[in-house]
Amino acid sequence: MSTTKLDKAAWQTTFDQLSKSLLVGKQVEIEVTGLHIGDQIEQEWIQLLGMSYDPKNDLIQILVEGLDHLIPKPREVWIDHGPIGLASMEVIGDDDMRQIIRLREPLMLPYAGTV
């Protein structure tokens, strides 16, 4: 795997590109860690609908089924590429909270119909 820190000037373009192409149909798990809250899983393997960065409000938005996960005032964004594309992303907020967004392909269930 290859981990890369994204330059803030590239955040909006990168998030837009990821949302439009690479993430369609993926599932996401969102983990939040920090000294005052510990380590918590906020969402566990739910369908990802998109993600964006709004430079005007300095806000990253992770859109999942039934929830908008907002990360205000992000300070750093790290992306981790695996063998088949983006595997995870870590966002470090201005408050030192870490948001870890893991991605995976949805599990394929066996076909139960008759042939």
Protein backbone atom coordinates (compact mmCIF):
# COMPACT_ATOMS: atom_id res chain seq x y z
CA MET A 1 0.00 0.00 0.00
CA SER A 2 1.08 3.57 -0.68
CA THR A 3 0.13 6.37 1.73
CA THR A 4 0.22 9.95 0.46
CA LYS A 5 -0.49 13.28 2.12
CA LEU A 6 -2.71 15.43 -0.09
CA ASP A 7 -1.87 19.08 -0.60
CA LYS A 8 -4.80 21.22 0.56
CA ALA A 9 -4.97 22.95 -2.85
CA ALA A 10 -5.88 19.54 -4.38
CA TRP A 11 -8.57 18.53 -1.88
CA GLN A 12 -11.63 19.79 -3.74
CA THR A 13 -10.55 18.30 -7.10
CA THR A 14 -9.48 15.00 -5.52
CA PHE A 15 -12.72 14.55 -3.56
CA ASP A 16 -14.79 15.45 -6.63
CA GLN A 17 -12.91 12.92 -8.78
CA LEU A 18 -13.17 10.17 -6.17
CA SER A 19 -16.86 10.80 -5.67
CA LYS A 20 -17.64 10.74 -9.39
CA SER A 21 -15.72 7.65 -10.40
CA LEU A 22 -13.71 5.53 -8.01
CA LEU A 23 -16.13 5.18 -5.12
CA VAL A 24 -19.36 4.21 -6.87
CA GLY A 25 -20.84 1.16 -5.15
CA LYS A 26 -18.22 0.96 -2.38
CA GLN A 27 -18.95 0.40 1.28
CA VAL A 28 -17.38 2.55 3.96
CA GLU A 29 -16.53 2.27 7.63
CA ILE A 30 -15.90 5.49 9.56
CA GLU A 31 -13.77 5.39 12.70
CA VAL A 32 -13.25 8.44 14.90
CA THR A 33 -10.37 8.62 17.36
CA GLY A 34 -9.23 11.26 19.81
CA LEU A 35 -7.82 11.64 23.29
CA HIS A 36 -11.09 12.81 24.86
CA ILE A 37 -13.39 10.27 23.11
CA GLY A 38 -11.16 7.24 22.59
CA ASP A 39 -11.66 5.07 19.53
CA GLN A 40 -15.19 4.75 18.15
CA ILE A 41 -16.73 3.24 15.03
CA GLU A 42 -19.34 5.74 13.84
CA GLN A 43 -20.53 3.79 10.80
CA GLU A 44 -19.82 0.15 10.02
CA TRP A 45 -19.74 -0.92 6.36
CA ILE A 46 -22.53 1.13 4.88
CA GLN A 47 -22.99 2.23 1.27
CA LEU A 48 -20.97 5.29 0.30
CA LEU A 49 -22.92 7.82 -1.74
CA GLY A 50 -20.17 10.42 -2.21
CA MET A 51 -17.69 12.77 -0.61
CA SER A 52 -16.73 16.39 -1.08
CA TYR A 53 -14.59 19.20 0.23
CA ASP A 54 -16.10 22.69 0.56
CA PRO A 55 -13.24 25.23 0.68
CA LYS A 56 -15.57 28.13 1.53
CA ASN A 57 -16.71 26.47 4.78
CA ASP A 58 -13.50 24.40 5.18
CA LEU A 59 -15.54 21.21 5.52
CA ILE A 60 -15.21 17.62 4.33
CA GLN A 61 -18.50 15.80 3.85
CA ILE A 62 -18.77 12.00 3.64
CA LEU A 63 -22.21 11.03 2.35
CA VAL A 64 -23.42 7.58 3.36
CA GLU A 65 -26.82 5.97 3.40
CA GLY A 66 -28.85 7.78 6.07
CA LEU A 67 -26.05 10.08 7.33
CA ASP A 68 -23.90 13.03 6.36
CA HIS A 69 -20.59 12.71 8.21
CA LEU A 70 -19.07 16.19 8.49
CA ILE A 71 -15.44 16.95 9.28
CA PRO A 72 -15.03 20.68 10.00
CA LYS A 73 -11.69 22.44 9.66
CA PRO A 74 -9.59 19.52 8.40
CA ARG A 75 -5.86 20.08 8.81
CA GLU A 76 -4.43 17.08 6.94
CA VAL A 77 -5.75 14.46 4.53
CA TRP A 78 -3.87 11.21 3.93
CA ILE A 79 -4.93 8.66 1.33
CA ASP A 80 -3.89 5.02 1.20
CA HIS A 81 -3.93 3.22 -2.15
CA GLY A 82 -4.24 -0.55 -2.22
CA PRO A 83 -3.93 -2.97 -5.13
CA ILE A 84 -7.37 -2.08 -6.52
CA GLY A 85 -7.46 1.67 -5.77
CA LEU A 86 -8.26 3.79 -2.76
CA ALA A 87 -8.29 1.63 0.39
CA SER A 88 -8.63 4.24 3.11
CA MET A 89 -8.35 7.88 3.99
CA GLU A 90 -7.38 9.59 7.24
CA VAL A 91 -8.45 13.13 8.00
CA ILE A 92 -6.86 14.97 10.91
CA GLY A 93 -9.01 17.81 12.14
CA ASP A 94 -8.04 21.13 13.66
CA ASP A 95 -9.02 19.61 17.04
CA ASP A 96 -6.56 16.68 16.52
CA MET A 97 -9.46 14.26 16.04
CA ARG A 98 -8.66 11.56 13.48
CA GLN A 99 -11.34 10.31 11.13
CA ILE A 100 -10.42 7.08 9.38
CA ILE A 101 -12.52 6.20 6.37
CA ARG A 102 -12.00 2.63 5.15
CA LEU A 103 -13.37 1.46 1.82
CA ARG A 104 -14.19 -1.96 0.42
CA GLU A 105 -16.17 -3.54 -2.37
CA PRO A 106 -19.62 -4.75 -1.26
CA LEU A 107 -19.85 -8.44 -0.48
CA MET A 108 -21.34 -10.43 -3.33
CA LEU A 109 -24.04 -12.78 -2.16
CA PRO A 110 -24.50 -16.07 -3.96
CA TYR A 111 -27.40 -16.23 -6.38
CA ALA A 112 -30.27 -18.10 -4.72
CA GLY A 113 -32.51 -18.42 -7.79
CA THR A 114 -32.96 -21.46 -9.97
CA VAL A 115 -31.10 -21.92 -13.21
